[in-house]
Amino acid sequence: MKGKIIVFEGPEGSGKTTQANRVFKFLKNKYKKVIFLREPGGVKISEDIRKIILNPKNKKMCALTELLLYEAARAQLVCEKINLLLKKGYIILMDRFYLATTVYQGYGRGIKKQIINYLNKLVTNNIKPNLTIIYDVSRKEALKRMKTRKKMDRIEQENDRFHEKIRKGYLNEGKLIKAKIIRTDGKNTDDVFKETKEILQKVILWQ
């Protein structure tokens, strides 16, 4: 079996990480070659960069610095792990990938899409996911869910206007790349997981 990349995307509070973890546990019982990675992160250097990006104390970080840090973390992950895992035939589950940069730094920060697209292609060697699932959630519902978190990172602490841009970005870009969009408002995690598995089965066949 050839390696595959399956990406889980969505605004803060959309439940994407919960679903990605559930999918990982589900597939791990069926395949030996399955791994779960997150962005930014996944390897030590990228995890170190993640701490800088998300630290709430770094309020003075400019948009371009933020973009380049995300791309640097991604470059290291692709170089150190993703390229090799694909060659070995792994199913790679990603909690965010380059679509997040298009949305957060493009729609959210206002950086030109051409610049972001160029950098995304450069650091990924033009690798494209086999499937992207976007979990859509209203800002009102997202805030309700996030109240249970002990502390929020620098991106999570952005204002409602920023996060509304993010949601709009995901919906717009999702249509362009033909991503699968699952709306999560008013649904429990089991119902969302059921929808997720139905989508996944068309890309990964299991008994």
C-alpha atoms as a PDB file:
ATOM      1  CA  MET A   1       0.000   0.000   0.000  1.00  0.00           C
ATOM      2  CA  LYS A   2       1.302   3.429  -0.932  1.00  0.00           C
ATOM      3  CA  GLY A   3       1.676   6.026   1.801  1.00  0.00           C
ATOM      4  CA  LYS A   4      -1.218   8.405   2.353  1.00  0.00           C
ATOM      5  CA  ILE A   5      -1.675  11.733   4.125  1.00  0.00           C
ATOM      6  CA  ILE A   6      -4.998  12.475   5.778  1.00  0.00           C
ATOM      7  CA  VAL A   7      -5.368  15.958   7.233  1.00  0.00           C
ATOM      8  CA  PHE A   8      -7.761  17.115   9.952  1.00  0.00           C
ATOM      9  CA  GLU A   9      -8.438  20.848   9.854  1.00  0.00           C
ATOM     10  CA  GLY A  10     -10.785  23.392  11.373  1.00  0.00           C
ATOM     11  CA  PRO A  11     -11.082  26.514  13.527  1.00  0.00           C
ATOM     12  CA  GLU A  12     -10.246  26.505  17.221  1.00  0.00           C
ATOM     13  CA  GLY A  13     -12.784  24.455  19.159  1.00  0.00           C
ATOM     14  CA  SER A  14     -13.982  22.527  16.114  1.00  0.00           C
ATOM     15  CA  GLY A  15     -13.081  19.143  17.603  1.00  0.00           C
ATOM     16  CA  LYS A  16     -10.538  18.224  14.923  1.00  0.00           C
ATOM     17  CA  THR A  17      -7.904  16.974  17.386  1.00  0.00           C
ATOM     18  CA  THR A  18     -10.439  14.819  19.220  1.00  0.00           C
ATOM     19  CA  GLN A  19     -11.502  13.240  15.926  1.00  0.00           C
ATOM     20  CA  ALA A  20      -7.927  12.800  14.714  1.00  0.00           C
ATOM     21  CA  ASN A  21      -7.049  10.953  17.920  1.00  0.00           C
ATOM     22  CA  ARG A  22     -10.102   8.713  17.604  1.00  0.00           C
ATOM     23  CA  VAL A  23      -9.247   7.901  13.997  1.00  0.00           C
ATOM     24  CA  PHE A  24      -5.673   7.060  15.009  1.00  0.00           C
ATOM     25  CA  LYS A  25      -6.844   4.612  17.678  1.00  0.00           C
ATOM     26  CA  PHE A  26      -9.323   3.100  15.231  1.00  0.00           C
ATOM     27  CA  LEU A  27      -6.819   2.629  12.396  1.00  0.00           C
ATOM     28  CA  LYS A  28      -4.018   1.468  14.688  1.00  0.00           C
ATOM     29  CA  ASN A  29      -6.011  -1.710  15.308  1.00  0.00           C
ATOM     30  CA  LYS A  30      -6.213  -2.355  11.568  1.00  0.00           C
ATOM     31  CA  TYR A  31      -2.835  -1.255  10.205  1.00  0.00           C
ATOM     32  CA  LYS A  32       0.700  -1.462  11.550  1.00  0.00           C
ATOM     33  CA  LYS A  33       1.882   1.482   9.502  1.00  0.00           C
ATOM     34  CA  VAL A  34      -0.185   4.372  10.816  1.00  0.00           C
ATOM     35  CA  ILE A  35       1.119   7.452  12.631  1.00  0.00           C
ATOM     36  CA  PHE A  36      -0.379  10.622  14.070  1.00  0.00           C
ATOM     37  CA  LEU A  37       1.518  13.919  13.709  1.00  0.00           C
ATOM     38  CA  ARG A  38       0.608  17.481  14.556  1.00  0.00           C
ATOM     39  CA  GLU A  39       1.497  20.884  13.181  1.00  0.00           C
ATOM     40  CA  PRO A  40       3.387  22.790  14.206  1.00  0.00           C
ATOM     41  CA  GLY A  41       5.338  19.964  15.801  1.00  0.00           C
ATOM     42  CA  GLY A  42       5.862  16.272  15.204  1.00  0.00           C
ATOM     43  CA  VAL A  43       9.651  16.325  15.713  1.00  0.00           C
ATOM     44  CA  LYS A  44      11.776  18.027  18.370  1.00  0.00           C
ATOM     45  CA  ILE A  45      12.873  21.074  16.364  1.00  0.00           C
ATOM     46  CA  SER A  46       9.309  21.692  15.174  1.00  0.00           C
ATOM     47  CA  GLU A  47       7.957  21.255  18.693  1.00  0.00           C
ATOM     48  CA  ASP A  48      10.452  23.861  19.925  1.00  0.00           C
ATOM     49  CA  ILE A  49       9.228  26.255  17.232  1.00  0.00           C
ATOM     50  CA  ARG A  50       5.634  25.497  18.272  1.00  0.00           C
ATOM     51  CA  LYS A  51       6.364  26.768  21.778  1.00  0.00           C
ATOM     52  CA  ILE A  52       7.576  30.078  20.379  1.00  0.00           C
ATOM     53  CA  ILE A  53       4.594  30.506  18.039  1.00  0.00           C
ATOM     54  CA  LEU A  54       1.910  29.715  20.611  1.00  0.00           C
ATOM     55  CA  ASN A  55       3.426  31.389  23.657  1.00  0.00           C
ATOM     56  CA  PRO A  56       0.937  34.109  24.765  1.00  0.00           C
ATOM     57  CA  LYS A  57       3.886  36.246  25.897  1.00  0.00           C
ATOM     58  CA  ASN A  58       4.997  36.728  22.284  1.00  0.00           C
ATOM     59  CA  LYS A  59       2.425  39.440  21.597  1.00  0.00           C
ATOM     60  CA  LYS A  60       4.832  41.460  19.441  1.00  0.00           C
ATOM     61  CA  MET A  61       5.297  38.709  16.862  1.00  0.00           C
ATOM     62  CA  CYS A  62       4.640  40.149  13.412  1.00  0.00           C
ATOM     63  CA  ALA A  63       2.649  38.303  10.757  1.00  0.00           C
ATOM     64  CA  LEU A  64       5.652  37.553   8.553  1.00  0.00           C
ATOM     65  CA  THR A  65       7.642  36.139  11.470  1.00  0.00           C
ATOM     66  CA  GLU A  66       4.676  33.936  12.353  1.00  0.00           C
ATOM     67  CA  LEU A  67       4.373  32.694   8.768  1.00  0.00           C
ATOM     68  CA  LEU A  68       8.076  31.841   8.481  1.00  0.00           C
ATOM     69  CA  LEU A  69       8.082  30.034  11.829  1.00  0.00           C
ATOM     70  CA  TYR A  70       5.160  27.851  10.748  1.00  0.00           C
ATOM     71  CA  GLU A  71       6.892  27.099   7.457  1.00  0.00           C
ATOM     72  CA  ALA A  72      10.183  26.322   9.215  1.00  0.00           C
ATOM     73  CA  ALA A  73       8.441  23.864  11.534  1.00  0.00           C
ATOM     74  CA  ARG A  74       6.741  22.243   8.532  1.00  0.00           C
ATOM     75  CA  ALA A  75       9.984  22.028   6.539  1.00  0.00           C
ATOM     76  CA  GLN A  76      11.663  20.164   9.388  1.00  0.00           C
ATOM     77  CA  LEU A  77       8.754  17.748   9.805  1.00  0.00           C
ATOM     78  CA  VAL A  78       8.631  16.955   6.084  1.00  0.00           C
ATOM     79  CA  CYS A  79      12.407  16.565   5.871  1.00  0.00           C
ATOM     80  CA  GLU A  80      12.811  14.505   9.033  1.00  0.00           C
ATOM     81  CA  LYS A  81       9.690  12.336   8.968  1.00  0.00           C
ATOM     82  CA  ILE A  82       6.994  12.727   6.330  1.00  0.00           C
ATOM     83  CA  ASN A  83       9.111  11.985   3.243  1.00  0.00           C
ATOM     84  CA  LEU A  84      10.450   8.782   4.792  1.00  0.00           C
ATOM     85  CA  LEU A  85       7.063   7.656   6.144  1.00  0.00           C
ATOM     86  CA  LEU A  86       5.426   8.040   2.732  1.00  0.00           C
ATOM     87  CA  LYS A  87       8.154   5.945   1.118  1.00  0.00           C
ATOM     88  CA  LYS A  88       7.551   3.245   3.727  1.00  0.00           C
ATOM     89  CA  GLY A  89       3.831   3.197   2.972  1.00  0.00           C
ATOM     90  CA  TYR A  90       2.520   4.784   6.171  1.00  0.00           C
ATOM     91  CA  ILE A  91      -0.905   6.289   6.643  1.00  0.00           C
ATOM     92  CA  ILE A  92      -0.030   9.684   8.101  1.00  0.00           C
ATOM     93  CA  LEU A  93      -2.760  11.399  10.097  1.00  0.00           C
ATOM     94  CA  MET A  94      -2.069  15.129  10.373  1.00  0.00           C
ATOM     95  CA  ASP A  95      -3.582  17.503  12.928  1.00  0.00           C
ATOM     96  CA  ARG A  96      -3.288  20.482  10.531  1.00  0.00           C
ATOM     97  CA  PHE A  97      -1.040  20.838   7.485  1.00  0.00           C
ATOM     98  CA  TYR A  98      -0.384  23.607   4.980  1.00  0.00           C
ATOM     99  CA  LEU A  99      -4.073  24.519   4.518  1.00  0.00           C
ATOM    100  CA  ALA A 100      -3.943  25.954   8.047  1.00  0.00           C
ATOM    101  CA  THR A 101      -1.240  28.387   6.951  1.00  0.00           C
ATOM    102  CA  THR A 102      -3.272  29.488   3.937  1.00  0.00           C
ATOM    103  CA  VAL A 103      -6.191  30.182   6.253  1.00  0.00           C
ATOM    104  CA  TYR A 104      -4.561  31.584   9.398  1.00  0.00           C
ATOM    105  CA  GLN A 105      -1.786  33.620   7.831  1.00  0.00           C
ATOM    106  CA  GLY A 106      -3.705  34.427   4.651  1.00  0.00           C
ATOM    107  CA  TYR A 107      -7.277  35.148   5.713  1.00  0.00           C
ATOM    108  CA  GLY A 108      -6.369  35.867   9.340  1.00  0.00           C
ATOM    109  CA  ARG A 109      -3.186  37.937   8.979  1.00  0.00           C
ATOM    110  CA  GLY A 110      -3.688  39.277   5.474  1.00  0.00           C
ATOM    111  CA  ILE A 111      -0.520  37.907   3.879  1.00  0.00           C
ATOM    112  CA  LYS A 112      -0.829  37.455   0.107  1.00  0.00           C
ATOM    113  CA  LYS A 113      -1.909  33.990  -0.909  1.00  0.00           C
ATOM    114  CA  GLN A 114       0.735  33.824  -3.659  1.00  0.00           C
ATOM    115  CA  ILE A 115       3.501  34.149  -1.057  1.00  0.00           C
ATOM    116  CA  ILE A 116       1.960  31.489   1.177  1.00  0.00           C
ATOM    117  CA  ASN A 117       1.387  29.106  -1.740  1.00  0.00           C
ATOM    118  CA  TYR A 118       5.000  29.464  -2.840  1.00  0.00           C
ATOM    119  CA  LEU A 119       6.331  28.715   0.638  1.00  0.00           C
ATOM    120  CA  ASN A 120       3.916  25.817   1.180  1.00  0.00           C
ATOM    121  CA  LYS A 121       5.068  24.146  -2.046  1.00  0.00           C
ATOM    122  CA  LEU A 122       8.717  24.843  -1.265  1.00  0.00           C
ATOM    123  CA  VAL A 123       8.765  23.267   2.206  1.00  0.00           C
ATOM    124  CA  THR A 124       6.546  20.277   1.349  1.00  0.00           C
ATOM    125  CA  ASN A 125       8.211  19.344  -1.957  1.00  0.00           C
ATOM    126  CA  ASN A 126       4.701  19.867  -3.354  1.00  0.00           C
ATOM    127  CA  ILE A 127       3.309  16.941  -1.338  1.00  0.00           C
ATOM    128  CA  LYS A 128      -0.495  16.963  -1.357  1.00  0.00           C
ATOM    129  CA  PRO A 129      -2.849  15.220   1.086  1.00  0.00           C
ATOM    130  CA  ASN A 130      -4.957  12.317  -0.127  1.00  0.00           C
ATOM    131  CA  LEU A 131      -7.823  13.645   1.955  1.00  0.00           C
ATOM    132  CA  THR A 132      -8.564  16.775   3.966  1.00  0.00           C
ATOM    133  CA  ILE A 133     -11.446  16.845   6.423  1.00  0.00           C
ATOM    134  CA  ILE A 134     -12.540  20.239   7.737  1.00  0.00           C
ATOM    135  CA  TYR A 135     -14.595  20.392  10.925  1.00  0.00           C
ATOM    136  CA  ASP A 136     -16.757  23.484  10.806  1.00  0.00           C
ATOM    137  CA  VAL A 137     -18.040  25.130  13.984  1.00  0.00           C
ATOM    138  CA  SER A 138     -19.727  28.446  14.771  1.00  0.00           C
ATOM    139  CA  ARG A 139     -17.754  30.877  16.906  1.00  0.00           C
ATOM    140  CA  LYS A 140     -20.455  30.752  19.593  1.00  0.00           C
ATOM    141  CA  GLU A 141     -20.213  26.970  19.861  1.00  0.00           C
ATOM    142  CA  ALA A 142     -16.408  27.063  19.753  1.00  0.00           C
ATOM    143  CA  LEU A 143     -16.252  29.480  22.704  1.00  0.00           C
ATOM    144  CA  LYS A 144     -18.626  27.276  24.656  1.00  0.00           C
ATOM    145  CA  ARG A 145     -16.371  24.252  24.135  1.00  0.00           C
ATOM    146  CA  MET A 146     -13.167  26.133  24.868  1.00  0.00           C
ATOM    147  CA  LYS A 147     -14.364  27.287  28.293  1.00  0.00           C
ATOM    148  CA  THR A 148     -13.188  23.950  29.684  1.00  0.00           C
ATOM    149  CA  ARG A 149      -9.565  24.629  28.701  1.00  0.00           C
ATOM    150  CA  LYS A 150      -7.289  25.647  31.557  1.00  0.00           C
ATOM    151  CA  LYS A 151      -5.396  28.161  29.438  1.00  0.00           C
ATOM    152  CA  MET A 152      -5.449  29.337  25.842  1.00  0.00           C
ATOM    153  CA  ASP A 153      -2.465  29.838  23.550  1.00  0.00           C
ATOM    154  CA  ARG A 154      -1.578  32.981  21.587  1.00  0.00           C
ATOM    155  CA  ILE A 155      -3.707  32.063  18.573  1.00  0.00           C
ATOM    156  CA  GLU A 156      -6.695  30.948  20.639  1.00  0.00           C
ATOM    157  CA  GLN A 157      -6.610  34.305  22.448  1.00  0.00           C
ATOM    158  CA  GLU A 158      -7.181  36.261  19.222  1.00  0.00           C
ATOM    159  CA  ASN A 159     -10.443  38.246  18.995  1.00  0.00           C
ATOM    160  CA  ASP A 160     -13.734  37.052  17.510  1.00  0.00           C
ATOM    161  CA  ARG A 161     -13.197  39.003  14.278  1.00  0.00           C
ATOM    162  CA  PHE A 162      -9.970  37.080  13.639  1.00  0.00           C
ATOM    163  CA  HIS A 163     -11.618  33.726  14.297  1.00  0.00           C
ATOM    164  CA  GLU A 164     -14.570  34.568  12.049  1.00  0.00           C
ATOM    165  CA  LYS A 165     -12.050  35.192   9.260  1.00  0.00           C
ATOM    166  CA  ILE A 166     -10.552  31.789   9.967  1.00  0.00           C
ATOM    167  CA  ARG A 167     -13.899  30.051   9.671  1.00  0.00           C
ATOM    168  CA  LYS A 168     -14.664  31.859   6.418  1.00  0.00           C
ATOM    169  CA  GLY A 169     -11.222  30.937   5.120  1.00  0.00           C
ATOM    170  CA  TYR A 170     -11.696  27.260   5.824  1.00  0.00           C
ATOM    171  CA  LEU A 171     -15.082  27.185   4.111  1.00  0.00           C
ATOM    172  CA  ASN A 172     -13.787  29.079   1.059  1.00  0.00           C
ATOM    173  CA  GLU A 173     -10.566  27.102   0.688  1.00  0.00           C
ATOM    174  CA  GLY A 174     -12.319  23.836   1.477  1.00  0.00           C
ATOM    175  CA  LYS A 175     -14.517  24.256  -1.587  1.00  0.00           C
ATOM    176  CA  LEU A 176     -11.512  25.057  -3.777  1.00  0.00           C
ATOM    177  CA  ILE A 177      -9.588  21.912  -2.793  1.00  0.00           C
ATOM    178  CA  LYS A 178     -12.720  19.756  -2.577  1.00  0.00           C
ATOM    179  CA  ALA A 179     -12.180  18.960   1.084  1.00  0.00           C
ATOM    180  CA  LYS A 180     -14.841  17.104   3.024  1.00  0.00           C
ATOM    181  CA  ILE A 181     -16.597  19.455   5.439  1.00  0.00           C
ATOM    182  CA  ILE A 182     -18.312  18.158   8.565  1.00  0.00           C
ATOM    183  CA  ARG A 183     -20.432  20.630  10.519  1.00  0.00           C
ATOM    184  CA  THR A 184     -20.161  19.892  14.215  1.00  0.00           C
ATOM    185  CA  ASP A 185     -22.637  22.295  15.880  1.00  0.00           C
ATOM    186  CA  GLY A 186     -25.260  20.384  17.851  1.00  0.00           C
ATOM    187  CA  LYS A 187     -23.556  17.014  17.324  1.00  0.00           C
ATOM    188  CA  ASN A 188     -21.827  14.809  19.887  1.00  0.00           C
ATOM    189  CA  THR A 189     -18.360  13.402  19.213  1.00  0.00           C
ATOM    190  CA  ASP A 190     -19.732   9.934  18.404  1.00  0.00           C
ATOM    191  CA  ASP A 191     -21.939  11.272  15.613  1.00  0.00           C
ATOM    192  CA  VAL A 192     -19.051  13.286  14.188  1.00  0.00           C
ATOM    193  CA  PHE A 193     -16.781  10.231  14.376  1.00  0.00           C
ATOM    194  CA  LYS A 194     -19.336   8.171  12.476  1.00  0.00           C
ATOM    195  CA  GLU A 195     -19.383  10.773   9.683  1.00  0.00           C
ATOM    196  CA  THR A 196     -15.591  10.865   9.711  1.00  0.00           C
ATOM    197  CA  LYS A 197     -15.298   7.090   9.306  1.00  0.00           C
ATOM    198  CA  GLU A 198     -17.752   7.120   6.395  1.00  0.00           C
ATOM    199  CA  ILE A 199     -15.561   9.653   4.602  1.00  0.00           C
ATOM    200  CA  LEU A 200     -12.343   7.809   5.444  1.00  0.00           C
ATOM    201  CA  GLN A 201     -13.582   4.470   4.146  1.00  0.00           C
ATOM    202  CA  LYS A 202     -13.693   5.881   0.631  1.00  0.00           C
ATOM    203  CA  VAL A 203      -9.955   6.651   0.843  1.00  0.00           C
ATOM    204  CA  ILE A 204      -8.778   3.771   3.055  1.00  0.00           C
ATOM    205  CA  LEU A 205     -10.539   0.460   2.609  1.00  0.00           C
ATOM    206  CA  TRP A 206     -10.866  -1.746   5.675  1.00  0.00           C
ATOM    207  CA  GLN A 207     -12.767  -4.904   6.446  1.00  0.00           C
END
